[in-house]
Amino acid sequence: MKKVIFLSLMAMVVTLFSQATTTSSTIVAIVNGEPITSDLLEIEADVSNLLKSIAQIDTRFFNVLTGTEEGLKLLLKYKLEVLNSLIDDLLIQQLAEKEGVGVTEEEANAEVEKRLKETVETMGITLEDLDKFLQSSGYGDLETFKKRLIWHMKTQLSLQRLQEKITQSATVTSEEAQKYYNENKESFRIPAAVHLYRIVAKEKNTIDEALSRIRKGEEFLEVATQVATGGDLGWIEEGQLNEDIESVIFDAPEGAILGPFESKDGFVLYKIVEKRTSSYKTFDEVKEEIINKLLSDKKTQLWSDWFEKAFEEFKKKSQIEIKLGGSGK
């Protein structure tokens, strides 16, 4: 009995693998009267190349997959999983048509052609070069590659158009934006900051000499370039400095010369050029940013809620017949 089952499975898998080389394409599934053909399934599953890769990596695993009942069942299960994904793709395409935003084959093809052209131009190659690369890499020729791209583009555009339709009514009022601002004001806080100059020297006597010249009236930055390294650090926000010196710097007044402090680089002098206290961006400054965020959140929630339910219901009511390997439902 086991031998009969094994031979039956072997014949089934041989039939599945041979579909790619035949000139005629068989129907492997029918979804609401619309067929999915074996050539599309073969392109998507790409079992031949998958097996070639496995054979190169591990011949024992290849032999198990192709020469045992369990292995052949696994290959068939893989192909059925790929087919189920194609069925879901087709259901999405059909749902878009049902909602009046369907995508035609011509539209999907035009978008693929456009993107392929942009890709080869960016890479500095031709479509002929791409064709040769695909074939040499085991992905089939360009036309086969395009068939796969067109299928996925049709699904992608269907989802995009469905989302645009379902979320087009989403709006955000000024009152909602103001409420969000009030409840999340801390996220719009501008931290306290100081504008700093710095001088760094490895030797203590060098930094002492620099400090002496500054106290005698020389410009801080001029001394920095002559006796050591340093310069204008720009604005440094609270929390960006070493904890040991941050409180000292932020408590000091503008114009103060602080240090020398010992650090891993030697010795450091700071000058506080300007100070900025902590404040908050006004509502008017961030109103557009908040509205865009809330609108995006609303659209995401609307789409998620609608699609999950609509797709599940549509799939449940759909007539799906799987013909792969003689199975059906």
Protein backbone atom coordinates (compact mmCIF):
# COMPACT_ATOMS: atom_id res chain seq x y z
CA MET A 1 0.00 0.00 0.00
CA LYS A 2 2.83 2.38 0.91
CA LYS A 3 4.53 1.62 -2.38
CA VAL A 4 1.36 2.51 -4.27
CA ILE A 5 1.08 5.81 -2.38
CA PHE A 6 4.75 6.57 -3.00
CA LEU A 7 4.50 5.87 -6.74
CA SER A 8 1.36 7.99 -6.89
CA LEU A 9 3.11 10.87 -5.17
CA MET A 10 6.15 10.49 -7.43
CA ALA A 11 3.95 10.67 -10.51
CA MET A 12 2.17 13.71 -9.09
CA VAL A 13 5.40 15.60 -8.39
CA VAL A 14 6.87 14.70 -11.78
CA THR A 15 3.72 16.16 -13.31
CA LEU A 16 4.07 19.31 -11.21
CA PHE A 17 7.71 19.83 -12.17
CA SER A 18 7.11 19.13 -15.84
CA GLN A 19 4.49 21.90 -16.06
CA ALA A 20 7.24 24.48 -16.52
CA THR A 21 8.62 22.83 -19.63
CA THR A 22 5.35 22.15 -21.44
CA THR A 23 4.09 24.63 -23.99
CA SER A 24 0.50 24.44 -22.81
CA SER A 25 -0.49 25.70 -19.37
CA THR A 26 -2.92 23.83 -17.18
CA ILE A 27 -5.31 25.30 -14.62
CA VAL A 28 -4.21 24.70 -11.01
CA ALA A 29 -6.95 26.71 -9.29
CA ILE A 30 -10.15 28.57 -10.08
CA VAL A 31 -11.14 31.56 -7.95
CA ASN A 32 -14.63 32.93 -8.55
CA GLY A 33 -14.47 31.65 -12.10
CA GLU A 34 -11.02 33.12 -12.77
CA PRO A 35 -8.19 30.62 -13.35
CA ILE A 36 -4.67 30.48 -11.96
CA THR A 37 -2.45 28.62 -14.40
CA SER A 38 0.45 26.27 -13.88
CA ASP A 39 2.92 28.56 -15.64
CA LEU A 40 2.26 31.35 -13.12
CA LEU A 41 2.56 28.88 -10.23
CA GLU A 42 5.80 27.50 -11.66
CA ILE A 43 7.27 30.99 -12.02
CA GLU A 44 6.33 31.87 -8.44
CA ALA A 45 7.34 28.58 -6.82
CA ASP A 46 10.47 28.14 -8.98
CA VAL A 47 10.86 24.56 -7.73
CA SER A 48 13.46 23.60 -10.36
CA ASN A 49 15.90 26.30 -9.26
CA LEU A 50 15.10 25.61 -5.62
CA LEU A 51 16.06 21.96 -6.08
CA LYS A 52 19.20 22.90 -8.00
CA SER A 53 20.30 25.13 -5.15
CA ILE A 54 19.57 22.43 -2.58
CA ALA A 55 21.50 19.86 -4.64
CA GLN A 56 24.54 22.15 -4.69
CA ILE A 57 24.38 22.71 -0.93
CA ASP A 58 23.42 19.27 0.36
CA THR A 59 23.01 16.26 -1.94
CA ARG A 60 21.66 14.11 0.88
CA PHE A 61 18.82 16.54 1.54
CA PHE A 62 18.15 16.75 -2.20
CA ASN A 63 17.92 12.97 -2.39
CA VAL A 64 15.51 12.92 0.57
CA LEU A 65 13.32 15.57 -1.08
CA THR A 66 13.20 13.92 -4.48
CA GLY A 67 13.57 10.26 -3.61
CA THR A 68 11.38 9.62 -0.56
CA GLU A 69 7.67 9.71 0.09
CA GLU A 70 8.10 12.27 2.89
CA GLY A 71 10.28 14.51 0.71
CA LEU A 72 7.81 14.48 -2.17
CA LYS A 73 4.98 15.31 0.21
CA LEU A 74 7.01 18.26 1.50
CA LEU A 75 7.62 19.55 -2.03
CA LEU A 76 3.94 19.23 -2.83
CA LYS A 77 3.04 21.03 0.40
CA TYR A 78 5.43 23.85 -0.52
CA LYS A 79 3.84 24.23 -3.92
CA LEU A 80 0.36 24.25 -2.38
CA GLU A 81 1.50 27.01 0.01
CA VAL A 82 2.71 29.07 -2.95
CA LEU A 83 -0.60 28.44 -4.70
CA ASN A 84 -2.52 29.60 -1.61
CA SER A 85 -0.55 32.85 -1.72
CA LEU A 86 -1.46 33.30 -5.38
CA ILE A 87 -5.10 32.67 -4.52
CA ASP A 88 -4.97 35.40 -1.86
CA ASP A 89 -3.36 37.73 -4.42
CA LEU A 90 -6.17 37.05 -6.89
CA LEU A 91 -8.80 37.58 -4.21
CA ILE A 92 -7.27 41.00 -3.44
CA GLN A 93 -7.37 41.87 -7.14
CA GLN A 94 -11.00 40.74 -7.34
CA LEU A 95 -11.93 42.65 -4.18
CA ALA A 96 -10.53 45.82 -5.75
CA GLU A 97 -12.68 45.20 -8.84
CA LYS A 98 -15.73 44.64 -6.63
CA GLU A 99 -15.05 47.99 -4.91
CA GLY A 100 -14.72 49.75 -8.26
CA VAL A 101 -10.98 50.37 -8.11
CA GLY A 102 -9.70 47.36 -10.03
CA VAL A 103 -6.37 47.29 -11.83
CA THR A 104 -6.14 46.13 -15.44
CA GLU A 105 -3.37 43.95 -16.84
CA GLU A 106 -2.37 46.87 -19.07
CA GLU A 107 -1.99 49.22 -16.09
CA ALA A 108 0.13 46.74 -14.17
CA ASN A 109 2.25 46.04 -17.25
CA ALA A 110 2.80 49.77 -17.90
CA GLU A 111 3.96 50.32 -14.31
CA VAL A 112 6.35 47.36 -14.49
CA GLU A 113 7.79 48.59 -17.80
CA LYS A 114 8.27 52.05 -16.30
CA ARG A 115 10.04 50.75 -13.20
CA LEU A 116 12.23 48.36 -15.18
CA LYS A 117 13.29 51.23 -17.43
CA GLU A 118 14.11 53.40 -14.41
CA THR A 119 16.07 50.53 -12.83
CA VAL A 120 18.27 49.77 -15.83
CA GLU A 121 18.90 53.49 -16.41
CA THR A 122 19.96 53.91 -12.78
CA MET A 123 22.25 50.88 -13.03
CA GLY A 124 23.68 52.04 -16.35
CA ILE A 125 22.73 48.85 -18.19
CA THR A 126 20.27 47.80 -20.90
CA LEU A 127 17.26 45.49 -20.77
CA GLU A 128 19.34 43.01 -22.80
CA ASP A 129 22.00 43.11 -20.07
CA LEU A 130 19.33 42.49 -17.43
CA ASP A 131 17.97 39.58 -19.46
CA LYS A 132 21.42 37.96 -19.63
CA PHE A 133 21.98 38.51 -15.90
CA LEU A 134 18.65 36.93 -14.97
CA GLN A 135 19.30 33.88 -17.12
CA SER A 136 22.87 33.43 -15.88
CA SER A 137 21.63 33.71 -12.27
CA GLY A 138 18.96 31.06 -12.77
CA TYR A 139 15.94 33.39 -12.64
CA GLY A 140 14.74 32.63 -16.16
CA ASP A 141 14.53 35.16 -18.97
CA LEU A 142 13.32 38.74 -18.72
CA GLU A 143 9.84 37.91 -20.04
CA THR A 144 9.36 35.28 -17.33
CA PHE A 145 10.61 37.74 -14.71
CA LYS A 146 8.19 40.39 -16.00
CA LYS A 147 5.22 38.01 -15.71
CA ARG A 148 5.96 37.60 -12.03
CA LEU A 149 6.44 41.34 -11.55
CA ILE A 150 3.19 42.15 -13.37
CA TRP A 151 1.24 39.76 -11.13
CA HIS A 152 2.63 41.28 -7.95
CA MET A 153 2.25 44.81 -9.31
CA LYS A 154 -1.43 44.16 -9.99
CA THR A 155 -1.85 42.99 -6.38
CA GLN A 156 0.16 45.93 -5.00
CA LEU A 157 -1.79 48.53 -7.00
CA SER A 158 -5.07 46.87 -6.00
CA LEU A 159 -4.17 47.20 -2.33
CA GLN A 160 -3.03 50.79 -2.86
CA ARG A 161 -6.26 51.81 -4.58
CA LEU A 162 -8.40 50.02 -2.01
CA GLN A 163 -6.57 51.82 0.79
CA GLU A 164 -6.98 55.19 -0.91
CA LYS A 165 -10.71 54.61 -1.33
CA ILE A 166 -11.33 53.39 2.21
CA THR A 167 -9.28 56.14 3.88
CA GLN A 168 -10.23 59.12 1.70
CA SER A 169 -12.90 60.25 4.16
CA ALA A 170 -10.47 60.50 7.10
CA THR A 171 -10.08 64.02 8.50
CA VAL A 172 -8.51 65.71 11.51
CA THR A 173 -9.96 68.85 13.08
CA SER A 174 -8.04 71.67 14.71
CA GLU A 175 -9.69 70.70 17.99
CA GLU A 176 -8.28 67.16 17.73
CA ALA A 177 -4.84 68.55 16.95
CA GLN A 178 -5.01 70.95 19.91
CA LYS A 179 -6.09 68.12 22.22
CA TYR A 180 -3.14 66.01 21.08
CA TYR A 181 -0.78 68.94 21.63
CA ASN A 182 -2.06 69.50 25.16
CA GLU A 183 -1.80 65.83 26.07
CA ASN A 184 1.65 65.34 24.52
CA LYS A 185 3.23 68.73 25.12
CA GLU A 186 6.39 67.22 26.55
CA SER A 187 7.24 65.72 23.16
CA PHE A 188 7.40 69.28 21.80
CA ARG A 189 9.79 70.53 24.45
CA ILE A 190 12.91 72.33 23.25
CA PRO A 191 15.64 71.34 25.72
CA ALA A 192 17.92 73.86 27.38
CA ALA A 193 21.15 74.38 25.44
CA VAL A 194 24.44 76.25 25.58
CA HIS A 195 26.60 77.60 22.78
CA LEU A 196 30.14 76.54 23.68
CA TYR A 197 33.72 77.23 22.68
CA ARG A 198 36.31 74.65 23.74
CA ILE A 199 40.08 74.30 24.08
CA VAL A 200 41.69 70.87 24.56
CA ALA A 201 45.33 70.26 25.50
CA LYS A 202 47.20 67.14 26.55
CA GLU A 203 49.51 68.93 29.00
CA LYS A 204 48.36 70.83 32.08
CA ASN A 205 50.89 73.62 31.57
CA THR A 206 49.59 74.17 28.01
CA ILE A 207 45.99 74.60 29.16
CA ASP A 208 47.17 76.89 32.02
CA GLU A 209 49.03 79.05 29.51
CA ALA A 210 45.91 79.26 27.34
CA LEU A 211 43.77 80.25 30.33
CA SER A 212 46.30 82.93 31.34
CA ARG A 213 46.25 84.51 27.88
CA ILE A 214 42.43 84.51 27.79
CA ARG A 215 42.27 86.22 31.20
CA LYS A 216 44.63 88.89 29.86
CA GLY A 217 42.12 89.73 27.15
CA GLU A 218 42.97 87.53 24.15
CA GLU A 219 40.11 85.99 22.17
CA PHE A 220 39.20 82.47 23.24
CA LEU A 221 39.04 81.00 19.71
CA GLU A 222 42.27 82.70 18.66
CA VAL A 223 44.10 81.16 21.62
CA ALA A 224 42.55 77.78 20.82
CA THR A 225 44.06 77.72 17.34
CA GLN A 226 47.51 78.86 18.54
CA VAL A 227 48.23 76.79 21.63
CA ALA A 228 46.06 73.72 21.42
CA THR A 229 43.14 72.16 19.61
CA GLY A 230 39.54 73.26 19.94
CA GLY A 231 37.00 75.55 18.42
CA ASP A 232 33.32 76.37 18.23
CA LEU A 233 31.16 73.43 19.37
CA GLY A 234 27.91 75.15 18.43
CA TRP A 235 24.74 74.54 20.44
CA ILE A 236 24.92 71.62 22.88
CA GLU A 237 21.60 70.43 24.30
CA GLU A 238 21.03 69.28 27.84
CA GLY A 239 21.93 65.62 28.20
CA GLN A 240 24.71 65.62 25.59
CA LEU A 241 27.60 66.48 27.89
CA ASN A 242 29.47 64.43 30.45
CA GLU A 243 27.37 64.28 33.62
CA ASP A 244 30.29 65.49 35.74
CA ILE A 245 30.52 68.85 34.02
CA GLU A 246 27.03 69.36 32.58
CA SER A 247 25.51 70.81 35.75
CA VAL A 248 28.46 73.18 36.13
CA ILE A 249 28.16 74.43 32.55
CA PHE A 250 24.37 74.83 32.57
CA ASP A 251 24.44 76.67 35.91
CA ALA A 252 27.13 79.14 34.78
CA PRO A 253 26.27 82.54 33.21
CA GLU A 254 26.93 83.59 29.61
CA GLY A 255 30.53 84.62 29.03
CA ALA A 256 31.90 82.40 31.79
CA ILE A 257 35.23 80.59 31.28
CA LEU A 258 35.07 77.18 32.91
CA GLY A 259 37.90 74.77 33.67
CA PRO A 260 40.34 73.38 33.21
CA PHE A 261 38.59 70.02 33.54
CA GLU A 262 40.52 66.79 33.30
CA SER A 263 39.26 64.41 30.60
CA LYS A 264 40.37 61.34 28.65
CA ASP A 265 41.88 63.68 26.04
CA GLY A 266 43.85 65.69 28.59
CA PHE A 267 42.56 69.03 29.90
CA VAL A 268 39.63 71.10 28.68
CA LEU A 269 38.52 74.74 28.89
CA TYR A 270 35.03 75.92 27.98
CA LYS A 271 33.55 79.31 27.27
CA ILE A 272 29.78 79.83 27.42
CA VAL A 273 28.92 82.05 24.47
CA GLU A 274 25.12 81.95 24.79
CA LYS A 275 22.48 80.10 26.77
CA ARG A 276 18.98 78.96 25.88
CA THR A 277 16.47 77.94 28.50
CA SER A 278 14.11 75.02 28.03
CA SER A 279 10.87 75.94 26.25
CA TYR A 280 8.07 74.44 24.18
CA LYS A 281 7.24 74.76 20.50
CA THR A 282 3.96 76.62 20.13
CA PHE A 283 0.85 74.86 18.83
CA ASP A 284 0.97 76.93 15.63
CA GLU A 285 4.53 75.80 15.01
CA VAL A 286 3.63 72.11 15.17
CA LYS A 287 -0.04 72.14 14.11
CA GLU A 288 0.61 70.83 10.59
CA GLU A 289 2.97 68.16 11.90
CA ILE A 290 0.34 66.97 14.40
CA ILE A 291 -2.46 66.95 11.82
CA ASN A 292 -0.33 64.88 9.43
CA LYS A 293 0.48 62.39 12.19
CA LEU A 294 -3.11 62.05 13.37
CA LEU A 295 -4.36 61.74 9.80
CA SER A 296 -1.82 59.00 9.08
CA ASP A 297 -2.81 57.17 12.26
CA LYS A 298 -6.51 57.42 11.41
CA LYS A 299 -5.97 56.14 7.88
CA THR A 300 -3.86 53.25 9.12
CA GLN A 301 -6.53 52.25 11.65
CA LEU A 302 -9.38 52.65 9.16
CA TRP A 303 -7.57 50.53 6.60
CA SER A 304 -6.56 47.85 9.07
CA ASP A 305 -10.07 47.53 10.49
CA TRP A 306 -11.75 47.48 7.08
CA PHE A 307 -9.38 45.23 5.15
CA GLU A 308 -9.12 42.47 7.72
CA LYS A 309 -12.90 42.10 7.90
CA ALA A 310 -13.66 42.74 4.21
CA PHE A 311 -11.04 40.32 2.92
CA GLU A 312 -12.07 37.58 5.34
CA GLU A 313 -15.73 37.93 4.35
CA PHE A 314 -14.95 38.10 0.64
CA LYS A 315 -12.72 35.00 0.83
CA LYS A 316 -15.36 33.11 2.81
CA LYS A 317 -18.02 33.82 0.17
CA SER A 318 -15.69 33.09 -2.76
CA GLN A 319 -15.76 29.92 -4.85
CA ILE A 320 -12.23 28.49 -4.69
CA GLU A 321 -11.34 25.23 -6.40
CA ILE A 322 -7.79 23.87 -6.16
CA LYS A 323 -6.89 21.47 -8.92
CA LEU A 324 -3.20 21.05 -8.15
CA GLY A 325 -2.29 17.39 -7.79
CA GLY A 326 -5.91 16.38 -8.19
CA SER A 327 -6.99 18.04 -4.92
CA GLY A 328 -9.97 20.35 -4.72
CA LYS A 329 -12.05 22.40 -2.32
